[in-house]
């Protein structure tokens, strides 16, 4: 049970440190509402859930990496910047993939 407590403490820290995670959650809620409105199929839901989960997980890992880098050094260091930038890029990549998945799924429902 302690592991679940630690996970929830991690979620709390994530929401506290990273407002961008809240933006991802709000976008996910909008996508879920649209999914119900357009009555997505089970397969479509699976892709939507995977996309939301991956973006959320990568955003969480990005925040964790930021915590670690900030713990290791408070001084500017090029490698620390690169580590944070690459982690942020991983979130961007997954968010763009999620956007493409969303467009592939929702465009036919909207226009056809």
PDB file of N, CA and C in Angstrom:
ATOM      1  N   UNK A   1       0.823  -1.199   0.000  1.00  0.00           N
ATOM      2  CA  UNK A   1       0.000   0.000   0.000  1.00  0.00           C
ATOM      3  C   UNK A   1       0.865   1.260   0.000  1.00  0.00           C
ATOM      4  N   UNK A   2       2.073   1.171   0.595  1.00  0.00           N
ATOM      5  CA  UNK A   2       2.941   2.342   0.620  1.00  0.00           C
ATOM      6  C   UNK A   2       3.320   2.780  -0.786  1.00  0.00           C
ATOM      7  N   UNK A   3       3.486   1.805  -1.673  1.00  0.00           N
ATOM      8  CA  UNK A   3       3.859   2.141  -3.048  1.00  0.00           C
ATOM      9  C   UNK A   3       2.782   2.981  -3.724  1.00  0.00           C
ATOM     10  N   UNK A   4       1.524   2.666  -3.440  1.00  0.00           N
ATOM     11  CA  UNK A   4       0.447   3.478  -3.991  1.00  0.00           C
ATOM     12  C   UNK A   4       0.496   4.883  -3.402  1.00  0.00           C
ATOM     13  N   UNK A   5       0.790   4.971  -2.107  1.00  0.00           N
ATOM     14  CA  UNK A   5       0.890   6.284  -1.463  1.00  0.00           C
ATOM     15  C   UNK A   5       2.001   7.100  -2.116  1.00  0.00           C
ATOM     16  N   UNK A   6       3.141   6.465  -2.369  1.00  0.00           N
ATOM     17  CA  UNK A   6       4.252   7.165  -3.015  1.00  0.00           C
ATOM     18  C   UNK A   6       3.861   7.626  -4.420  1.00  0.00           C
ATOM     19  N   UNK A   7       3.126   6.799  -5.123  1.00  0.00           N
ATOM     20  CA  UNK A   7       2.683   7.169  -6.471  1.00  0.00           C
ATOM     21  C   UNK A   7       1.755   8.384  -6.419  1.00  0.00           C
ATOM     22  N   UNK A   8       0.849   8.404  -5.446  1.00  0.00           N
ATOM     23  CA  UNK A   8      -0.055   9.548  -5.321  1.00  0.00           C
ATOM     24  C   UNK A   8       0.695  10.798  -4.878  1.00  0.00           C
ATOM     25  N   UNK A   9       1.710  10.618  -4.033  1.00  0.00           N
ATOM     26  CA  UNK A   9       2.552  11.757  -3.666  1.00  0.00           C
ATOM     27  C   UNK A   9       3.294  12.274  -4.898  1.00  0.00           C
ATOM     28  N   UNK A  10       3.689  11.364  -5.774  1.00  0.00           N
ATOM     29  CA  UNK A  10       4.326  11.755  -7.022  1.00  0.00           C
ATOM     30  C   UNK A  10       3.381  12.539  -7.916  1.00  0.00           C
ATOM     31  N   UNK A  11       2.128  12.105  -7.993  1.00  0.00           N
ATOM     32  CA  UNK A  11       1.140  12.854  -8.769  1.00  0.00           C
ATOM     33  C   UNK A  11       0.940  14.254  -8.197  1.00  0.00           C
ATOM     34  N   UNK A  12       0.897  14.340  -6.874  1.00  0.00           N
ATOM     35  CA  UNK A  12       0.752  15.643  -6.219  1.00  0.00           C
ATOM     36  C   UNK A  12       1.931  16.538  -6.568  1.00  0.00           C
ATOM     37  N   UNK A  13       3.148  15.994  -6.486  1.00  0.00           N
ATOM     38  CA  UNK A  13       4.344  16.765  -6.817  1.00  0.00           C
ATOM     39  C   UNK A  13       4.324  17.174  -8.289  1.00  0.00           C
ATOM     40  N   UNK A  14       3.847  16.289  -9.135  1.00  0.00           N
ATOM     41  CA  UNK A  14       3.764  16.577 -10.561  1.00  0.00           C
ATOM     42  C   UNK A  14       2.830  17.758 -10.827  1.00  0.00           C
ATOM     43  N   UNK A  15       1.649  17.735 -10.229  1.00  0.00           N
ATOM     44  CA  UNK A  15       0.708  18.844 -10.405  1.00  0.00           C
ATOM     45  C   UNK A  15       1.256  20.132  -9.791  1.00  0.00           C
ATOM     46  N   UNK A  16       1.976  20.004  -8.693  1.00  0.00           N
ATOM     47  CA  UNK A  16       2.498  21.177  -7.992  1.00  0.00           C
ATOM     48  C   UNK A  16       3.628  21.841  -8.781  1.00  0.00           C
ATOM     49  N   UNK A  17       4.519  21.052  -9.360  1.00  0.00           N
ATOM     50  CA  UNK A  17       5.697  21.601 -10.051  1.00  0.00           C
ATOM     51  C   UNK A  17       5.408  21.959 -11.498  1.00  0.00           C
ATOM     52  N   UNK A  18       4.585  21.187 -12.163  1.00  0.00           N
ATOM     53  CA  UNK A  18       4.482  21.282 -13.612  1.00  0.00           C
ATOM     54  C   UNK A  18       3.057  21.623 -14.039  1.00  0.00           C
ATOM     55  N   UNK A  19       2.798  22.909 -14.263  1.00  0.00           N
ATOM     56  CA  UNK A  19       1.473  23.322 -14.703  1.00  0.00           C
ATOM     57  C   UNK A  19       1.145  22.755 -16.087  1.00  0.00           C
ATOM     58  N   UNK A  20       2.179  22.431 -16.875  1.00  0.00           N
ATOM     59  CA  UNK A  20       1.936  21.870 -18.200  1.00  0.00           C
ATOM     60  C   UNK A  20       1.231  20.515 -18.099  1.00  0.00           C
ATOM     61  N   UNK A  21       1.481  19.791 -17.022  1.00  0.00           N
ATOM     62  CA  UNK A  21       0.793  18.520 -16.837  1.00  0.00           C
ATOM     63  C   UNK A  21      -0.705  18.755 -16.707  1.00  0.00           C
ATOM     64  N   UNK A  22      -1.087  19.816 -16.004  1.00  0.00           N
ATOM     65  CA  UNK A  22      -2.504  20.157 -15.869  1.00  0.00           C
ATOM     66  C   UNK A  22      -3.106  20.472 -17.238  1.00  0.00           C
ATOM     67  N   UNK A  23      -2.348  21.138 -18.088  1.00  0.00           N
ATOM     68  CA  UNK A  23      -2.829  21.424 -19.444  1.00  0.00           C
ATOM     69  C   UNK A  23      -3.056  20.118 -20.197  1.00  0.00           C
ATOM     70  N   UNK A  24      -2.124  19.163 -20.067  1.00  0.00           N
ATOM     71  CA  UNK A  24      -2.291  17.860 -20.715  1.00  0.00           C
ATOM     72  C   UNK A  24      -3.543  17.154 -20.193  1.00  0.00           C
ATOM     73  N   UNK A  25      -3.783  17.242 -18.900  1.00  0.00           N
ATOM     74  CA  UNK A  25      -4.969  16.602 -18.314  1.00  0.00           C
ATOM     75  C   UNK A  25      -6.243  17.246 -18.851  1.00  0.00           C
ATOM     76  N   UNK A  26      -6.256  18.568 -18.940  1.00  0.00           N
ATOM     77  CA  UNK A  26      -7.444  19.258 -19.458  1.00  0.00           C
ATOM     78  C   UNK A  26      -7.700  18.896 -20.922  1.00  0.00           C
ATOM     79  N   UNK A  27      -6.645  18.844 -21.717  1.00  0.00           N
ATOM     80  CA  UNK A  27      -6.796  18.436 -23.122  1.00  0.00           C
ATOM     81  C   UNK A  27      -7.297  16.997 -23.198  1.00  0.00           C
ATOM     82  N   UNK A  28      -6.766  16.129 -22.348  1.00  0.00           N
ATOM     83  CA  UNK A  28      -7.214  14.729 -22.326  1.00  0.00           C
ATOM     84  C   UNK A  28      -8.703  14.646 -21.987  1.00  0.00           C
ATOM     85  N   UNK A  29      -9.156  15.450 -21.031  1.00  0.00           N
ATOM     86  CA  UNK A  29     -10.580  15.446 -20.685  1.00  0.00           C
ATOM     87  C   UNK A  29     -11.443  15.907 -21.853  1.00  0.00           C
ATOM     88  N   UNK A  30     -10.985  16.922 -22.576  1.00  0.00           N
ATOM     89  CA  UNK A  30     -11.718  17.387 -23.755  1.00  0.00           C
ATOM     90  C   UNK A  30     -11.785  16.282 -24.807  1.00  0.00           C
ATOM     91  N   UNK A  31     -10.672  15.589 -25.025  1.00  0.00           N
ATOM     92  CA  UNK A  31     -10.634  14.499 -25.999  1.00  0.00           C
ATOM     93  C   UNK A  31     -11.574  13.378 -25.563  1.00  0.00           C
ATOM     94  N   UNK A  32     -11.583  13.055 -24.288  1.00  0.00           N
ATOM     95  CA  UNK A  32     -12.474  11.995 -23.788  1.00  0.00           C
ATOM     96  C   UNK A  32     -13.934  12.387 -23.974  1.00  0.00           C
ATOM     97  N   UNK A  33     -14.271  13.623 -23.677  1.00  0.00           N
ATOM     98  CA  UNK A  33     -15.649  14.095 -23.878  1.00  0.00           C
ATOM     99  C   UNK A  33     -16.023  14.000 -25.358  1.00  0.00           C
ATOM    100  N   UNK A  34     -15.110  14.436 -26.235  1.00  0.00           N
ATOM    101  CA  UNK A  34     -15.367  14.328 -27.673  1.00  0.00           C
ATOM    102  C   UNK A  34     -15.518  12.869 -28.098  1.00  0.00           C
ATOM    103  N   UNK A  35     -14.754  11.991 -27.479  1.00  0.00           N
ATOM    104  CA  UNK A  35     -14.871  10.568 -27.780  1.00  0.00           C
ATOM    105  C   UNK A  35     -16.259  10.036 -27.483  1.00  0.00           C
ATOM    106  N   UNK A  36     -16.838  10.484 -26.371  1.00  0.00           N
ATOM    107  CA  UNK A  36     -18.206  10.068 -26.055  1.00  0.00           C
ATOM    108  C   UNK A  36     -19.212  10.696 -27.012  1.00  0.00           C
ATOM    109  N   UNK A  37     -18.990  11.960 -27.353  1.00  0.00           N
ATOM    110  CA  UNK A  37     -19.905  12.640 -28.273  1.00  0.00           C
ATOM    111  C   UNK A  37     -19.922  11.947 -29.630  1.00  0.00           C
ATOM    112  N   UNK A  38     -18.743  11.582 -30.143  1.00  0.00           N
ATOM    113  CA  UNK A  38     -18.648  10.959 -31.460  1.00  0.00           C
ATOM    114  C   UNK A  38     -18.750   9.441 -31.416  1.00  0.00           C
ATOM    115  N   UNK A  39     -18.996   8.883 -30.238  1.00  0.00           N
ATOM    116  CA  UNK A  39     -19.198   7.448 -30.061  1.00  0.00           C
ATOM    117  C   UNK A  39     -18.084   6.631 -30.737  1.00  0.00           C
ATOM    118  N   UNK A  40     -16.878   6.828 -30.223  1.00  0.00           N
ATOM    119  CA  UNK A  40     -15.722   6.122 -30.768  1.00  0.00           C
ATOM    120  C   UNK A  40     -15.879   4.618 -30.595  1.00  0.00           C
ATOM    121  N   UNK A  41     -15.245   3.891 -31.506  1.00  0.00           N
ATOM    122  CA  UNK A  41     -15.241   2.429 -31.407  1.00  0.00           C
ATOM    123  C   UNK A  41     -14.223   2.011 -30.335  1.00  0.00           C
ATOM    124  N   UNK A  42     -14.257   0.746 -29.978  1.00  0.00           N
ATOM    125  CA  UNK A  42     -13.325   0.230 -28.966  1.00  0.00           C
ATOM    126  C   UNK A  42     -11.875   0.400 -29.421  1.00  0.00           C
ATOM    127  N   UNK A  43     -11.609   0.141 -30.681  1.00  0.00           N
ATOM    128  CA  UNK A  43     -10.246   0.287 -31.216  1.00  0.00           C
ATOM    129  C   UNK A  43      -9.816   1.751 -31.151  1.00  0.00           C
ATOM    130  N   UNK A  44     -10.697   2.649 -31.525  1.00  0.00           N
ATOM    131  CA  UNK A  44     -10.374   4.080 -31.464  1.00  0.00           C
ATOM    132  C   UNK A  44     -10.086   4.503 -30.030  1.00  0.00           C
ATOM    133  N   UNK A  45     -10.892   4.009 -29.085  1.00  0.00           N
ATOM    134  CA  UNK A  45     -10.659   4.319 -27.670  1.00  0.00           C
ATOM    135  C   UNK A  45      -9.293   3.817 -27.223  1.00  0.00           C
ATOM    136  N   UNK A  46      -8.913   2.636 -27.677  1.00  0.00           N
ATOM    137  CA  UNK A  46      -7.608   2.096 -27.276  1.00  0.00           C
ATOM    138  C   UNK A  46      -6.481   3.018 -27.730  1.00  0.00           C
ATOM    139  N   UNK A  47      -6.553   3.499 -28.954  1.00  0.00           N
ATOM    140  CA  UNK A  47      -5.514   4.408 -29.435  1.00  0.00           C
ATOM    141  C   UNK A  47      -5.520   5.730 -28.666  1.00  0.00           C
ATOM    142  N   UNK A  48      -6.696   6.241 -28.381  1.00  0.00           N
ATOM    143  CA  UNK A  48      -6.803   7.495 -27.610  1.00  0.00           C
ATOM    144  C   UNK A  48      -6.217   7.303 -26.217  1.00  0.00           C
ATOM    145  N   UNK A  49      -6.562   6.219 -25.557  1.00  0.00           N
ATOM    146  CA  UNK A  49      -6.064   5.956 -24.198  1.00  0.00           C
ATOM    147  C   UNK A  49      -4.544   5.780 -24.203  1.00  0.00           C
ATOM    148  N   UNK A  50      -4.034   5.059 -25.185  1.00  0.00           N
ATOM    149  CA  UNK A  50      -2.574   4.886 -25.278  1.00  0.00           C
ATOM    150  C   UNK A  50      -1.896   6.236 -25.498  1.00  0.00           C
ATOM    151  N   UNK A  51      -2.449   7.054 -26.379  1.00  0.00           N
ATOM    152  CA  UNK A  51      -1.852   8.364 -26.657  1.00  0.00           C
ATOM    153  C   UNK A  51      -1.863   9.243 -25.408  1.00  0.00           C
ATOM    154  N   UNK A  52      -2.978   9.284 -24.701  1.00  0.00           N
ATOM    155  CA  UNK A  52      -3.066  10.075 -23.472  1.00  0.00           C
ATOM    156  C   UNK A  52      -2.083   9.544 -22.433  1.00  0.00           C
ATOM    157  N   UNK A  53      -2.033   8.237 -22.293  1.00  0.00           N
ATOM    158  CA  UNK A  53      -1.128   7.634 -21.315  1.00  0.00           C
ATOM    159  C   UNK A  53       0.331   7.918 -21.614  1.00  0.00           C
ATOM    160  N   UNK A  54       0.717   7.821 -22.882  1.00  0.00           N
ATOM    161  CA  UNK A  54       2.110   8.076 -23.244  1.00  0.00           C
ATOM    162  C   UNK A  54       2.501   9.529 -23.007  1.00  0.00           C
ATOM    163  N   UNK A  55       1.652  10.462 -23.405  1.00  0.00           N
ATOM    164  CA  UNK A  55       1.966  11.878 -23.176  1.00  0.00           C
ATOM    165  C   UNK A  55       2.074  12.153 -21.680  1.00  0.00           C
ATOM    166  N   UNK A  56       1.149  11.615 -20.905  1.00  0.00           N
ATOM    167  CA  UNK A  56       1.180  11.821 -19.452  1.00  0.00           C
ATOM    168  C   UNK A  56       2.434  11.221 -18.833  1.00  0.00           C
ATOM    169  N   UNK A  57       2.782  10.007 -19.256  1.00  0.00           N
ATOM    170  CA  UNK A  57       3.965   9.349 -18.703  1.00  0.00           C
ATOM    171  C   UNK A  57       5.239  10.101 -19.075  1.00  0.00           C
ATOM    172  N   UNK A  58       5.348  10.551 -20.310  1.00  0.00           N
ATOM    173  CA  UNK A  58       6.541  11.289 -20.718  1.00  0.00           C
ATOM    174  C   UNK A  58       6.627  12.635 -20.006  1.00  0.00           C
ATOM    175  N   UNK A  59       5.486  13.282 -19.791  1.00  0.00           N
ATOM    176  CA  UNK A  59       5.503  14.547 -19.037  1.00  0.00           C
ATOM    177  C   UNK A  59       5.944  14.302 -17.599  1.00  0.00           C
ATOM    178  N   UNK A  60       5.494  13.205 -17.013  1.00  0.00           N
ATOM    179  CA  UNK A  60       5.914  12.869 -15.646  1.00  0.00           C
ATOM    180  C   UNK A  60       7.410  12.585 -15.592  1.00  0.00           C
ATOM    181  N   UNK A  61       7.928  11.829 -16.564  1.00  0.00           N
ATOM    182  CA  UNK A  61       9.362  11.545 -16.586  1.00  0.00           C
ATOM    183  C   UNK A  61      10.179  12.814 -16.818  1.00  0.00           C
ATOM    184  N   UNK A  62       9.673  13.714 -17.637  1.00  0.00           N
ATOM    185  CA  UNK A  62      10.339  14.989 -17.860  1.00  0.00           C
ATOM    186  C   UNK A  62      10.438  15.769 -16.548  1.00  0.00           C
ATOM    187  N   UNK A  63       9.363  15.811 -15.802  1.00  0.00           N
ATOM    188  CA  UNK A  63       9.366  16.517 -14.519  1.00  0.00           C
ATOM    189  C   UNK A  63      10.311  15.844 -13.538  1.00  0.00           C
ATOM    190  N   UNK A  64      10.322  14.517 -13.511  1.00  0.00           N
ATOM    191  CA  UNK A  64      11.239  13.797 -12.623  1.00  0.00           C
ATOM    192  C   UNK A  64      12.684  14.122 -12.971  1.00  0.00           C
ATOM    193  N   UNK A  65      12.999  14.146 -14.260  1.00  0.00           N
ATOM    194  CA  UNK A  65      14.355  14.478 -14.672  1.00  0.00           C
ATOM    195  C   UNK A  65      14.720  15.910 -14.265  1.00  0.00           C
ATOM    196  N   UNK A  66      13.766  16.832 -14.397  1.00  0.00           N
ATOM    197  CA  UNK A  66      14.021  18.212 -13.963  1.00  0.00           C
ATOM    198  C   UNK A  66      14.334  18.266 -12.469  1.00  0.00           C
ATOM    199  N   UNK A  67      13.593  17.515 -11.671  1.00  0.00           N
ATOM    200  CA  UNK A  67      13.878  17.455 -10.229  1.00  0.00           C
ATOM    201  C   UNK A  67      15.296  16.952  -9.984  1.00  0.00           C
ATOM    202  N   UNK A  68      15.687  15.887 -10.669  1.00  0.00           N
ATOM    203  CA  UNK A  68      17.015  15.311 -10.455  1.00  0.00           C
ATOM    204  C   UNK A  68      18.112  16.281 -10.880  1.00  0.00           C
ATOM    205  N   UNK A  69      17.962  16.884 -12.039  1.00  0.00           N
ATOM    206  CA  UNK A  69      18.969  17.839 -12.504  1.00  0.00           C
ATOM    207  C   UNK A  69      19.074  19.012 -11.540  1.00  0.00           C
ATOM    208  N   UNK A  70      17.935  19.509 -11.071  1.00  0.00           N
ATOM    209  CA  UNK A  70      17.950  20.618 -10.109  1.00  0.00           C
ATOM    210  C   UNK A  70      18.597  20.205  -8.786  1.00  0.00           C
ATOM    211  N   UNK A  71      18.452  18.935  -8.417  1.00  0.00           N
ATOM    212  CA  UNK A  71      19.071  18.434  -7.196  1.00  0.00           C
ATOM    213  C   UNK A  71      20.589  18.370  -7.344  1.00  0.00           C
ATOM    214  N   UNK A  72      21.047  17.953  -8.508  1.00  0.00           N
ATOM    215  CA  UNK A  72      22.477  17.751  -8.731  1.00  0.00           C
ATOM    216  C   UNK A  72      23.224  19.080  -8.810  1.00  0.00           C
ATOM    217  N   UNK A  73      22.632  20.064  -9.471  1.00  0.00           N
ATOM    218  CA  UNK A  73      23.330  21.339  -9.621  1.00  0.00           C
ATOM    219  C   UNK A  73      22.351  22.497  -9.656  1.00  0.00           C
ATOM    220  N   UNK A  74      22.733  23.563  -8.970  1.00  0.00           N
ATOM    221  CA  UNK A  74      21.945  24.792  -9.064  1.00  0.00           C
ATOM    222  C   UNK A  74      22.626  25.778 -10.010  1.00  0.00           C
ATOM    223  N   UNK A  75      23.863  25.453 -10.402  1.00  0.00           N
ATOM    224  CA  UNK A  75      24.597  26.286 -11.341  1.00  0.00           C
ATOM    225  C   UNK A  75      24.200  25.917 -12.765  1.00  0.00           C
ATOM    226  N   UNK A  76      24.401  26.882 -13.670  1.00  0.00           N
ATOM    227  CA  UNK A  76      24.148  26.583 -15.074  1.00  0.00           C
ATOM    228  C   UNK A  76      25.235  25.638 -15.578  1.00  0.00           C
ATOM    229  N   UNK A  77      24.800  24.616 -16.264  1.00  0.00           N
ATOM    230  CA  UNK A  77      25.736  23.704 -16.899  1.00  0.00           C
ATOM    231  C   UNK A  77      25.114  23.274 -18.228  1.00  0.00           C
ATOM    232  N   UNK A  78      25.898  23.290 -19.279  1.00  0.00           N
ATOM    233  CA  UNK A  78      25.388  22.949 -20.609  1.00  0.00           C
ATOM    234  C   UNK A  78      24.786  21.554 -20.651  1.00  0.00           C
ATOM    235  N   UNK A  79      25.414  20.598 -19.981  1.00  0.00           N
ATOM    236  CA  UNK A  79      24.878  19.231 -19.991  1.00  0.00           C
ATOM    237  C   UNK A  79      23.539  19.143 -19.268  1.00  0.00           C
ATOM    238  N   UNK A  80      23.390  19.910 -18.183  1.00  0.00           N
ATOM    239  CA  UNK A  80      22.107  19.935 -17.475  1.00  0.00           C
ATOM    240  C   UNK A  80      21.026  20.512 -18.389  1.00  0.00           C
ATOM    241  N   UNK A  81      21.366  21.568 -19.109  1.00  0.00           N
ATOM    242  CA  UNK A  81      20.413  22.158 -20.052  1.00  0.00           C
ATOM    243  C   UNK A  81      20.042  21.157 -21.138  1.00  0.00           C
ATOM    244  N   UNK A  82      21.046  20.468 -21.677  1.00  0.00           N
ATOM    245  CA  UNK A  82      20.774  19.479 -22.725  1.00  0.00           C
ATOM    246  C   UNK A  82      19.861  18.366 -22.205  1.00  0.00           C
ATOM    247  N   UNK A  83      20.114  17.911 -20.979  1.00  0.00           N
ATOM    248  CA  UNK A  83      19.281  16.850 -20.402  1.00  0.00           C
ATOM    249  C   UNK A  83      17.831  17.317 -20.295  1.00  0.00           C
ATOM    250  N   UNK A  84      17.630  18.527 -19.797  1.00  0.00           N
ATOM    251  CA  UNK A  84      16.264  19.051 -19.678  1.00  0.00           C
ATOM    252  C   UNK A  84      15.631  19.262 -21.043  1.00  0.00           C
ATOM    253  N   UNK A  85      16.409  19.771 -21.997  1.00  0.00           N
ATOM    254  CA  UNK A  85      15.879  20.023 -23.336  1.00  0.00           C
ATOM    255  C   UNK A  85      15.482  18.728 -24.038  1.00  0.00           C
ATOM    256  N   UNK A  86      16.306  17.697 -23.919  1.00  0.00           N
ATOM    257  CA  UNK A  86      15.992  16.415 -24.558  1.00  0.00           C
ATOM    258  C   UNK A  86      14.752  15.794 -23.917  1.00  0.00           C
ATOM    259  N   UNK A  87      14.646  15.890 -22.598  1.00  0.00           N
ATOM    260  CA  UNK A  87      13.454  15.367 -21.925  1.00  0.00           C
ATOM    261  C   UNK A  87      12.207  16.121 -22.385  1.00  0.00           C
ATOM    262  N   UNK A  88      12.320  17.435 -22.525  1.00  0.00           N
ATOM    263  CA  UNK A  88      11.189  18.225 -23.029  1.00  0.00           C
ATOM    264  C   UNK A  88      10.861  17.845 -24.468  1.00  0.00           C
ATOM    265  N   UNK A  89      11.883  17.571 -25.261  1.00  0.00           N
ATOM    266  CA  UNK A  89      11.657  17.143 -26.647  1.00  0.00           C
ATOM    267  C   UNK A  89      10.899  15.823 -26.697  1.00  0.00           C
ATOM    268  N   UNK A  90      11.171  14.929 -25.745  1.00  0.00           N
ATOM    269  CA  UNK A  90      10.459  13.652 -25.736  1.00  0.00           C
ATOM    270  C   UNK A  90       8.965  13.863 -25.491  1.00  0.00           C
ATOM    271  N   UNK A  91       8.639  14.846 -24.662  1.00  0.00           N
ATOM    272  CA  UNK A  91       7.224  15.171 -24.435  1.00  0.00           C
ATOM    273  C   UNK A  91       6.619  15.744 -25.712  1.00  0.00           C
ATOM    274  N   UNK A  92       7.358  16.631 -26.361  1.00  0.00           N
ATOM    275  CA  UNK A  92       6.868  17.226 -27.608  1.00  0.00           C
ATOM    276  C   UNK A  92       6.614  16.153 -28.662  1.00  0.00           C
ATOM    277  N   UNK A  93       7.531  15.215 -28.801  1.00  0.00           N
ATOM    278  CA  UNK A  93       7.375  14.139 -29.788  1.00  0.00           C
ATOM    279  C   UNK A  93       6.121  13.323 -29.496  1.00  0.00           C
ATOM    280  N   UNK A  94       5.928  12.924 -28.239  1.00  0.00           N
ATOM    281  CA  UNK A  94       4.745  12.115 -27.915  1.00  0.00           C
ATOM    282  C   UNK A  94       3.465  12.929 -28.076  1.00  0.00           C
ATOM    283  N   UNK A  95       3.525  14.225 -27.750  1.00  0.00           N
ATOM    284  CA  UNK A  95       2.333  15.069 -27.918  1.00  0.00           C
ATOM    285  C   UNK A  95       1.977  15.216 -29.393  1.00  0.00           C
ATOM    286  N   UNK A  96       2.988  15.357 -30.254  1.00  0.00           N
ATOM    287  CA  UNK A  96       2.715  15.456 -31.694  1.00  0.00           C
ATOM    288  C   UNK A  96       2.154  14.145 -32.240  1.00  0.00           C
ATOM    289  N   UNK A  97       2.690  13.026 -31.775  1.00  0.00           N
ATOM    290  CA  UNK A  97       2.149  11.727 -32.191  1.00  0.00           C
ATOM    291  C   UNK A  97       0.702  11.592 -31.722  1.00  0.00           C
ATOM    292  N   UNK A  98       0.423  12.009 -30.486  1.00  0.00           N
ATOM    293  CA  UNK A  98      -0.946  11.958 -29.968  1.00  0.00           C
ATOM    294  C   UNK A  98      -1.870  12.847 -30.800  1.00  0.00           C
ATOM    295  N   UNK A  99      -1.376  14.009 -31.214  1.00  0.00           N
ATOM    296  CA  UNK A  99      -2.173  14.901 -32.056  1.00  0.00           C
ATOM    297  C   UNK A  99      -2.512  14.225 -33.385  1.00  0.00           C
ATOM    298  N   UNK A 100      -1.527  13.586 -34.001  1.00  0.00           N
ATOM    299  CA  UNK A 100      -1.761  12.896 -35.272  1.00  0.00           C
ATOM    300  C   UNK A 100      -2.781  11.771 -35.079  1.00  0.00           C
ATOM    301  N   UNK A 101      -2.626  11.009 -34.010  1.00  0.00           N
ATOM    302  CA  UNK A 101      -3.597   9.946 -33.717  1.00  0.00           C
ATOM    303  C   UNK A 101      -4.991  10.536 -33.556  1.00  0.00           C
ATOM    304  N   UNK A 102      -5.086  11.628 -32.807  1.00  0.00           N
ATOM    305  CA  UNK A 102      -6.378  12.284 -32.613  1.00  0.00           C
ATOM    306  C   UNK A 102      -6.982  12.766 -33.919  1.00  0.00           C
ATOM    307  N   UNK A 103      -6.162  13.352 -34.785  1.00  0.00           N
ATOM    308  CA  UNK A 103      -6.670  13.823 -36.077  1.00  0.00           C
ATOM    309  C   UNK A 103      -7.142  12.655 -36.932  1.00  0.00           C
ATOM    310  N   UNK A 104      -6.368  11.578 -36.959  1.00  0.00           N
ATOM    311  CA  UNK A 104      -6.761  10.400 -37.750  1.00  0.00           C
ATOM    312  C   UNK A 104      -8.094   9.841 -37.264  1.00  0.00           C
ATOM    313  N   UNK A 105      -8.298   9.859 -35.953  1.00  0.00           N
ATOM    314  CA  UNK A 105      -9.530   9.290 -35.401  1.00  0.00           C
ATOM    315  C   UNK A 105     -10.711  10.248 -35.530  1.00  0.00           C
ATOM    316  N   UNK A 106     -10.497  11.529 -35.224  1.00  0.00           N
ATOM    317  CA  UNK A 106     -11.639  12.440 -35.130  1.00  0.00           C
ATOM    318  C   UNK A 106     -12.049  13.081 -36.455  1.00  0.00           C
ATOM    319  N   UNK A 107     -11.139  13.291 -37.380  1.00  0.00           N
ATOM    320  CA  UNK A 107     -11.511  13.959 -38.631  1.00  0.00           C
ATOM    321  C   UNK A 107     -12.623  13.213 -39.368  1.00  0.00           C
ATOM    322  N   UNK A 108     -12.536  11.895 -39.510  1.00  0.00           N
ATOM    323  CA  UNK A 108     -13.659  11.209 -40.186  1.00  0.00           C
ATOM    324  C   UNK A 108     -14.992  11.370 -39.445  1.00  0.00           C
ATOM    325  N   UNK A 109     -14.961  11.431 -38.120  1.00  0.00           N
ATOM    326  CA  UNK A 109     -16.201  11.605 -37.348  1.00  0.00           C
ATOM    327  C   UNK A 109     -16.768  13.006 -37.532  1.00  0.00           C
ATOM    328  N   UNK A 110     -15.897  13.976 -37.713  1.00  0.00           N
ATOM    329  CA  UNK A 110     -16.346  15.357 -37.820  1.00  0.00           C
ATOM    330  C   UNK A 110     -16.860  15.668 -39.230  1.00  0.00           C
ATOM    331  N   UNK A 111     -16.155  15.199 -40.242  1.00  0.00           N
ATOM    332  CA  UNK A 111     -16.464  15.620 -41.611  1.00  0.00           C
ATOM    333  C   UNK A 111     -17.229  14.595 -42.448  1.00  0.00           C
ATOM    334  N   UNK A 112     -17.439  13.378 -41.946  1.00  0.00           N
ATOM    335  CA  UNK A 112     -18.121  12.385 -42.790  1.00  0.00           C
ATOM    336  C   UNK A 112     -19.318  11.815 -42.091  1.00  0.00           C
TER     337      UNK A 112
END
